[in-house]
């Protein structure tokens, strides 16, 4: 997964309502699933490989439906979720590369690169001249990852000169994924480039993506920049702090374990814990490092009225693993909100993937 579905990918964060557009997704139920404890019988159900396989197919069927949903955000997230099943993902890519929504086109191109779908790389080439800079950057990434001939210089132009810090963040993320150490100089230059018209939060998000890319390319000391963003000073810093936790999990930064554990339990002077978004992001990050004790945190918010939090809980269940969480994901597959459904389906696919 490029980014968690609950917190959204770099592209989704960058896209915003104007880029995503569209209408609400389809509902499959009328009420929020209960977060009641799983009964022993329900927990034992998924000891049976047939039951697990059936749930996996249900999740795949749901993603197939959501990949064709009128809401482009659901189409984007469904494509991301299918990355763990490249053969099925490939069947949706040709149409997605021609989708009217730029966020969908960009994600489709990224998936071509992430899954190295070389047979589809030629279909991504026309996107090199797309009107959206997100799409153009993703097309370069797709072609380079698939070993096709492409001029990467426009990716450098985007990260240095585009007026949008979200576009620059997207380009930085892709450079990190490409794994070319020669891009480090470019990333250092991008980190210092001014953004006079950008909000403080947008600049911080871009700096996080640049720091993550640098770590991926070998500059381990940049993890200090990411750790420093874990502590939000203002409400607008919440997205930054949650992304920082998420990145540390993706990087499996063991040195941040103690801080992440502390943040899940930290209280202010009034006895209030940190916002749920940060606590859940920390729990999921810790799970990626092998600390899978965070189920209780996801349980705490799984029936929250906010769909984004329920979706983040589903993501956390998937990262934590543990068979006893599959019944909870089964319930979240029937959530009234499509974002929760796609997050639950993605978690089921990750948890039930066959090793190898």
Protein backbone atom coordinates (compact mmCIF):
# COMPACT_ATOMS: atom_id res chain seq x y z
CA UNK A 1 0.00 0.00 0.00
CA UNK A 2 1.37 3.41 -0.94
CA UNK A 3 -0.19 5.01 2.05
CA UNK A 4 -2.85 3.92 4.45
CA UNK A 5 -6.31 4.16 3.04
CA UNK A 6 -7.52 5.66 6.30
CA UNK A 7 -5.08 8.54 6.20
CA UNK A 8 -5.08 8.50 2.39
CA UNK A 9 -2.18 8.36 -0.01
CA UNK A 10 0.07 11.27 -0.79
CA UNK A 11 -1.94 11.76 -3.94
CA UNK A 12 -5.32 11.78 -2.20
CA UNK A 13 -4.07 14.28 0.36
CA UNK A 14 -2.72 16.34 -2.49
CA UNK A 15 -5.82 16.05 -4.63
CA UNK A 16 -8.36 17.60 -2.31
CA UNK A 17 -12.06 17.95 -3.15
CA UNK A 18 -11.48 19.80 -6.40
CA UNK A 19 -9.28 17.10 -7.91
CA UNK A 20 -11.29 14.19 -6.60
CA UNK A 21 -14.76 15.57 -7.20
CA UNK A 22 -17.49 12.99 -7.67
CA UNK A 23 -20.37 11.93 -5.48
CA UNK A 24 -20.79 9.74 -2.46
CA UNK A 25 -20.03 6.05 -2.72
CA UNK A 26 -22.55 3.25 -2.53
CA UNK A 27 -23.77 2.15 0.86
CA UNK A 28 -24.19 -1.50 1.72
CA UNK A 29 -25.63 -1.17 5.19
CA UNK A 30 -27.60 1.30 7.24
CA UNK A 31 -25.78 1.34 10.55
CA UNK A 32 -22.27 1.43 11.92
CA UNK A 33 -20.96 -2.02 12.96
CA UNK A 34 -20.69 -2.66 16.66
CA UNK A 35 -17.27 -2.77 18.32
CA UNK A 36 -18.48 -5.42 20.76
CA UNK A 37 -15.87 -8.01 21.79
CA UNK A 38 -15.51 -10.94 19.42
CA UNK A 39 -17.05 -14.12 20.76
CA UNK A 40 -14.88 -17.25 21.01
CA UNK A 41 -16.94 -18.86 18.25
CA UNK A 42 -16.43 -15.89 15.92
CA UNK A 43 -12.71 -15.81 16.68
CA UNK A 44 -12.41 -19.54 16.01
CA UNK A 45 -14.22 -19.24 12.67
CA UNK A 46 -11.14 -18.05 10.83
CA UNK A 47 -8.97 -20.87 12.03
CA UNK A 48 -10.65 -22.65 9.11
CA UNK A 49 -8.78 -21.87 5.86
CA UNK A 50 -12.00 -22.24 3.87
CA UNK A 51 -13.65 -19.47 5.90
CA UNK A 52 -10.57 -17.29 5.47
CA UNK A 53 -10.55 -17.87 1.72
CA UNK A 54 -14.25 -17.02 1.52
CA UNK A 55 -13.70 -13.75 3.39
CA UNK A 56 -10.81 -12.91 1.08
CA UNK A 57 -13.02 -13.38 -1.96
CA UNK A 58 -15.72 -11.22 -0.38
CA UNK A 59 -13.13 -8.48 0.14
CA UNK A 60 -11.96 -8.80 -3.45
CA UNK A 61 -15.53 -8.64 -4.74
CA UNK A 62 -16.12 -5.50 -2.71
CA UNK A 63 -13.01 -3.87 -4.13
CA UNK A 64 -14.10 -4.82 -7.63
CA UNK A 65 -17.37 -3.02 -7.01
CA UNK A 66 -15.69 0.01 -5.46
CA UNK A 67 -13.18 0.26 -8.30
CA UNK A 68 -16.18 1.13 -10.49
CA UNK A 69 -17.87 3.43 -7.98
CA UNK A 70 -19.00 6.93 -9.05
CA UNK A 71 -16.86 8.39 -6.24
CA UNK A 72 -13.29 8.80 -7.59
CA UNK A 73 -11.77 8.59 -4.11
CA UNK A 74 -13.17 5.09 -3.78
CA UNK A 75 -11.82 4.17 -7.21
CA UNK A 76 -8.39 5.45 -6.17
CA UNK A 77 -8.38 3.58 -2.89
CA UNK A 78 -9.65 0.36 -4.47
CA UNK A 79 -6.78 0.43 -6.97
CA UNK A 80 -4.28 0.93 -4.15
CA UNK A 81 -5.81 -1.93 -2.18
CA UNK A 82 -5.45 -4.31 -5.13
CA UNK A 83 -1.69 -3.84 -5.21
CA UNK A 84 -1.36 -7.05 -3.19
CA UNK A 85 -3.14 -8.92 -6.01
CA UNK A 86 -1.31 -7.67 -9.15
CA UNK A 87 -3.08 -9.99 -11.58
CA UNK A 88 -6.50 -8.67 -10.59
CA UNK A 89 -5.23 -5.11 -10.37
CA UNK A 90 -4.02 -5.33 -13.97
CA UNK A 91 -7.55 -5.88 -15.26
CA UNK A 92 -8.62 -2.44 -13.94
CA UNK A 93 -5.57 -0.45 -15.02
CA UNK A 94 -6.36 0.20 -18.73
CA UNK A 95 -9.67 1.90 -17.93
CA UNK A 96 -8.23 3.71 -14.91
CA UNK A 97 -5.42 5.20 -17.00
CA UNK A 98 -8.14 6.87 -19.09
CA UNK A 99 -10.38 7.82 -16.17
CA UNK A 100 -11.82 11.36 -16.36
CA UNK A 101 -10.52 12.07 -12.87
CA UNK A 102 -6.81 12.97 -12.59
CA UNK A 103 -6.42 11.37 -9.14
CA UNK A 104 -7.55 8.04 -10.58
CA UNK A 105 -5.26 8.35 -13.61
CA UNK A 106 -2.30 9.21 -11.40
CA UNK A 107 -2.95 6.33 -9.03
CA UNK A 108 -3.35 3.92 -11.93
CA UNK A 109 0.03 4.99 -13.30
CA UNK A 110 1.61 4.61 -9.86
CA UNK A 111 0.19 1.10 -9.59
CA UNK A 112 1.73 0.20 -12.96
CA UNK A 113 5.08 1.20 -11.49
CA UNK A 114 4.60 -0.25 -8.03
CA UNK A 115 3.48 -3.64 -9.38
CA UNK A 116 5.91 -3.43 -12.34
CA UNK A 117 3.13 -4.24 -14.79
CA UNK A 118 5.45 -4.04 -17.79
CA UNK A 119 2.80 -5.17 -20.24
CA UNK A 120 0.80 -2.05 -19.32
CA UNK A 121 3.63 0.47 -19.31
CA UNK A 122 2.97 1.52 -22.90
CA UNK A 123 -0.58 2.45 -21.92
CA UNK A 124 0.86 4.84 -19.33
CA UNK A 125 3.09 6.68 -21.81
CA UNK A 126 0.36 9.05 -23.14
CA UNK A 127 0.02 10.39 -19.59
CA UNK A 128 3.45 12.04 -19.91
CA UNK A 129 1.60 14.95 -21.50
CA UNK A 130 -1.40 14.94 -19.18
CA UNK A 131 -2.76 18.28 -18.00
CA UNK A 132 -2.23 17.26 -14.35
CA UNK A 133 1.29 17.44 -12.89
CA UNK A 134 0.38 14.60 -10.52
CA UNK A 135 -0.42 12.37 -13.47
CA UNK A 136 2.71 13.33 -15.40
CA UNK A 137 4.90 12.56 -12.40
CA UNK A 138 3.22 9.19 -11.88
CA UNK A 139 3.63 8.32 -15.57
CA UNK A 140 7.39 8.95 -15.35
CA UNK A 141 7.53 6.73 -12.28
CA UNK A 142 5.58 3.96 -14.04
CA UNK A 143 7.84 3.94 -17.08
CA UNK A 144 11.07 4.08 -15.09
CA UNK A 145 10.02 1.26 -12.77
CA UNK A 146 9.08 -0.87 -15.74
CA UNK A 147 12.43 -0.28 -17.44
CA UNK A 148 10.96 1.72 -20.32
CA UNK A 149 12.76 4.64 -21.93
CA UNK A 150 11.68 7.96 -20.41
CA UNK A 151 13.20 11.37 -19.69
CA UNK A 152 12.99 11.92 -15.90
CA UNK A 153 14.02 15.58 -16.05
CA UNK A 154 10.45 16.85 -15.80
CA UNK A 155 10.15 15.10 -12.42
CA UNK A 156 13.06 17.24 -11.25
CA UNK A 157 11.30 20.30 -12.60
CA UNK A 158 8.16 19.49 -10.64
CA UNK A 159 9.91 18.99 -7.32
CA UNK A 160 11.88 22.22 -7.66
CA UNK A 161 9.55 24.59 -9.45
CA UNK A 162 5.91 23.60 -9.12
CA UNK A 163 4.01 26.21 -7.09
CA UNK A 164 2.04 23.51 -5.24
CA UNK A 165 3.82 21.88 -2.27
CA UNK A 166 1.45 18.95 -2.70
CA UNK A 167 2.75 18.33 -6.23
CA UNK A 168 6.30 18.64 -4.97
CA UNK A 169 5.56 16.22 -2.13
CA UNK A 170 4.20 13.73 -4.66
CA UNK A 171 7.32 14.05 -6.80
CA UNK A 172 9.52 13.58 -3.71
CA UNK A 173 7.66 10.45 -2.74
CA UNK A 174 8.13 8.99 -6.22
CA UNK A 175 11.86 9.79 -6.21
CA UNK A 176 12.19 7.92 -2.93
CA UNK A 177 10.34 4.95 -4.38
CA UNK A 178 12.59 4.89 -7.44
CA UNK A 179 15.56 4.33 -5.12
CA UNK A 180 18.14 6.29 -7.09
CA UNK A 181 20.72 7.78 -4.67
CA UNK A 182 21.74 10.38 -7.26
CA UNK A 183 18.44 12.15 -6.52
CA UNK A 184 19.63 13.15 -3.02
CA UNK A 185 21.06 16.45 -4.21
CA UNK A 186 17.78 17.30 -5.87
CA UNK A 187 15.85 16.47 -2.70
CA UNK A 188 18.13 18.67 -0.58
CA UNK A 189 17.56 21.52 -2.99
CA UNK A 190 13.80 20.94 -2.91
CA UNK A 191 13.76 21.02 0.89
CA UNK A 192 15.20 24.54 0.84
CA UNK A 193 13.09 25.92 -2.03
CA UNK A 194 10.70 28.67 -0.85
CA UNK A 195 6.92 28.29 -0.80
CA UNK A 196 5.74 31.82 -0.12
CA UNK A 197 2.08 31.16 -0.95
CA UNK A 198 1.75 27.77 0.74
CA UNK A 199 0.25 27.16 4.16
CA UNK A 200 2.51 26.08 6.99
CA UNK A 201 0.81 22.67 7.10
CA UNK A 202 1.35 22.09 3.37
CA UNK A 203 5.02 22.98 3.67
CA UNK A 204 5.45 20.61 6.63
CA UNK A 205 3.76 17.78 4.72
CA UNK A 206 6.10 18.35 1.80
CA UNK A 207 9.13 18.42 4.09
CA UNK A 208 8.06 15.09 5.57
CA UNK A 209 7.81 13.52 2.13
CA UNK A 210 11.22 14.90 1.20
CA UNK A 211 12.73 13.57 4.43
CA UNK A 212 11.15 10.15 3.86
CA UNK A 213 12.58 10.02 0.35
CA UNK A 214 16.03 10.93 1.68
CA UNK A 215 15.89 8.12 4.24
CA UNK A 216 14.91 5.66 1.51
CA UNK A 217 17.92 6.82 -0.49
CA UNK A 218 20.32 6.27 2.41
CA UNK A 219 20.29 9.39 4.60
CA UNK A 220 19.21 7.77 7.86
CA UNK A 221 19.71 10.94 9.88
CA UNK A 222 16.65 12.45 8.19
CA UNK A 223 14.46 10.29 10.44
CA UNK A 224 15.05 12.97 13.10
CA UNK A 225 13.07 15.41 10.95
CA UNK A 226 10.19 12.95 10.77
CA UNK A 227 10.23 12.20 14.51
CA UNK A 228 10.15 15.92 15.29
CA UNK A 229 6.79 16.19 13.52
CA UNK A 230 5.11 13.72 15.89
CA UNK A 231 4.10 16.41 18.34
CA UNK A 232 1.31 18.67 17.00
CA UNK A 233 1.34 22.24 18.32
CA UNK A 234 -1.88 23.30 16.58
CA UNK A 235 -4.99 21.59 15.21
CA UNK A 236 -3.70 22.04 11.65
CA UNK A 237 -0.64 19.97 12.60
CA UNK A 238 -2.74 16.84 13.15
CA UNK A 239 -2.38 15.62 9.57
CA UNK A 240 1.36 16.26 9.76
CA UNK A 241 1.76 14.30 13.02
CA UNK A 242 -0.33 11.39 11.77
CA UNK A 243 1.65 11.23 8.52
CA UNK A 244 4.91 11.35 10.48
CA UNK A 245 3.85 8.33 12.53
CA UNK A 246 2.76 6.54 9.40
CA UNK A 247 6.07 7.21 7.64
CA UNK A 248 8.07 5.98 10.63
CA UNK A 249 6.07 2.75 10.46
CA UNK A 250 6.69 2.43 6.73
CA UNK A 251 10.41 2.93 7.37
CA UNK A 252 10.30 0.56 10.34
CA UNK A 253 12.24 3.07 12.38
CA UNK A 254 12.88 1.06 15.53
CA UNK A 255 14.44 4.06 17.23
CA UNK A 256 11.02 5.75 17.34
CA UNK A 257 9.22 2.87 19.08
CA UNK A 258 9.37 4.41 22.56
CA UNK A 259 8.01 7.74 21.29
CA UNK A 260 5.17 6.06 19.40
CA UNK A 261 4.19 3.99 22.44
CA UNK A 262 4.28 7.13 24.61
CA UNK A 263 2.02 9.00 22.18
CA UNK A 264 -0.67 6.31 22.31
CA UNK A 265 -1.03 6.88 26.06
CA UNK A 266 0.03 10.50 26.53
CA UNK A 267 -2.40 12.78 28.40
CA UNK A 268 -2.49 16.54 28.76
CA UNK A 269 -3.01 18.34 32.06
CA UNK A 270 -6.76 17.90 31.77
CA UNK A 271 -6.39 14.15 31.32
CA UNK A 272 -7.17 14.17 27.58
CA UNK A 273 -5.30 11.82 25.29
CA UNK A 274 -4.01 12.83 21.88
CA UNK A 275 -6.52 12.81 18.99
CA UNK A 276 -7.60 9.42 17.73
CA UNK A 277 -5.95 9.96 14.33
CA UNK A 278 -2.52 10.14 15.92
CA UNK A 279 -3.04 7.31 18.41
CA UNK A 280 -4.26 4.98 15.66
CA UNK A 281 -1.43 5.98 13.33
CA UNK A 282 1.05 5.19 16.11
CA UNK A 283 -0.57 1.81 16.79
CA UNK A 284 -0.40 0.87 13.09
CA UNK A 285 3.21 2.06 12.83
CA UNK A 286 4.19 0.01 15.87
CA UNK A 287 2.51 -3.04 14.35
CA UNK A 288 4.74 -2.71 11.28
CA UNK A 289 7.69 -2.90 13.65
CA UNK A 290 6.41 -6.08 15.28
CA UNK A 291 4.62 -4.46 18.25
CA UNK A 292 1.12 -5.81 17.66
CA UNK A 293 -0.54 -5.01 20.99
CA UNK A 294 -2.63 -2.13 19.64
CA UNK A 295 -5.92 -3.94 18.98
CA UNK A 296 -7.50 -2.26 22.02
CA UNK A 297 -6.91 1.16 20.42
CA UNK A 298 -8.68 0.19 17.20
CA UNK A 299 -11.51 -1.32 19.24
CA UNK A 300 -11.90 2.01 21.02
CA UNK A 301 -12.79 3.85 17.81
CA UNK A 302 -14.26 1.14 15.55
CA UNK A 303 -17.83 2.41 16.13
CA UNK A 304 -16.93 6.10 15.99
CA UNK A 305 -19.44 8.25 14.06
CA UNK A 306 -16.64 9.56 11.82
CA UNK A 307 -16.07 7.28 8.79
CA UNK A 308 -12.42 8.37 8.51
CA UNK A 309 -11.72 7.03 11.99
CA UNK A 310 -13.53 3.75 11.34
CA UNK A 311 -11.49 3.39 8.16
CA UNK A 312 -8.31 4.05 10.09
CA UNK A 313 -9.33 1.38 12.60
CA UNK A 314 -9.75 -1.09 9.76
CA UNK A 315 -6.27 -0.22 8.52
CA UNK A 316 -4.86 -0.67 12.02
CA UNK A 317 -6.52 -4.09 12.35
CA UNK A 318 -4.88 -5.09 9.09
CA UNK A 319 -1.44 -3.94 10.21
CA UNK A 320 -1.79 -5.57 13.63
CA UNK A 321 -2.88 -8.83 12.02
CA UNK A 322 -4.10 -11.47 14.45
CA UNK A 323 -6.85 -13.83 13.41
CA UNK A 324 -9.21 -12.54 16.10
CA UNK A 325 -9.43 -9.24 14.21
CA UNK A 326 -10.84 -10.82 11.04
CA UNK A 327 -14.43 -10.91 12.39
CA UNK A 328 -14.15 -7.17 13.06
CA UNK A 329 -13.02 -6.57 9.51
CA UNK A 330 -15.85 -8.76 8.25
CA UNK A 331 -18.27 -6.42 10.03
CA UNK A 332 -16.54 -3.31 8.67
CA UNK A 333 -16.92 -4.64 5.13
CA UNK A 334 -20.63 -3.92 5.62
CA UNK A 335 -20.10 -0.39 6.95
CA UNK A 336 -22.45 2.25 5.52
CA UNK A 337 -19.49 4.26 4.22
CA UNK A 338 -17.50 3.24 1.17
CA UNK A 339 -14.19 4.55 2.53
CA UNK A 340 -14.53 2.19 5.50
CA UNK A 341 -15.45 -0.70 3.21
CA UNK A 342 -12.39 -0.23 1.02
CA UNK A 343 -10.11 0.06 4.05
CA UNK A 344 -11.56 -3.11 5.56
CA UNK A 345 -11.27 -4.97 2.26
CA UNK A 346 -7.65 -3.90 1.89
CA UNK A 347 -6.89 -5.05 5.44
CA UNK A 348 -8.45 -8.45 4.76
CA UNK A 349 -6.32 -8.88 1.65
CA UNK A 350 -3.14 -7.99 3.54
CA UNK A 351 -3.95 -10.33 6.42
CA UNK A 352 -4.89 -13.27 4.22
CA UNK A 353 -2.16 -12.95 1.62
CA UNK A 354 -0.33 -16.18 0.92
CA UNK A 355 3.38 -15.80 1.80
CA UNK A 356 5.87 -16.07 -0.96
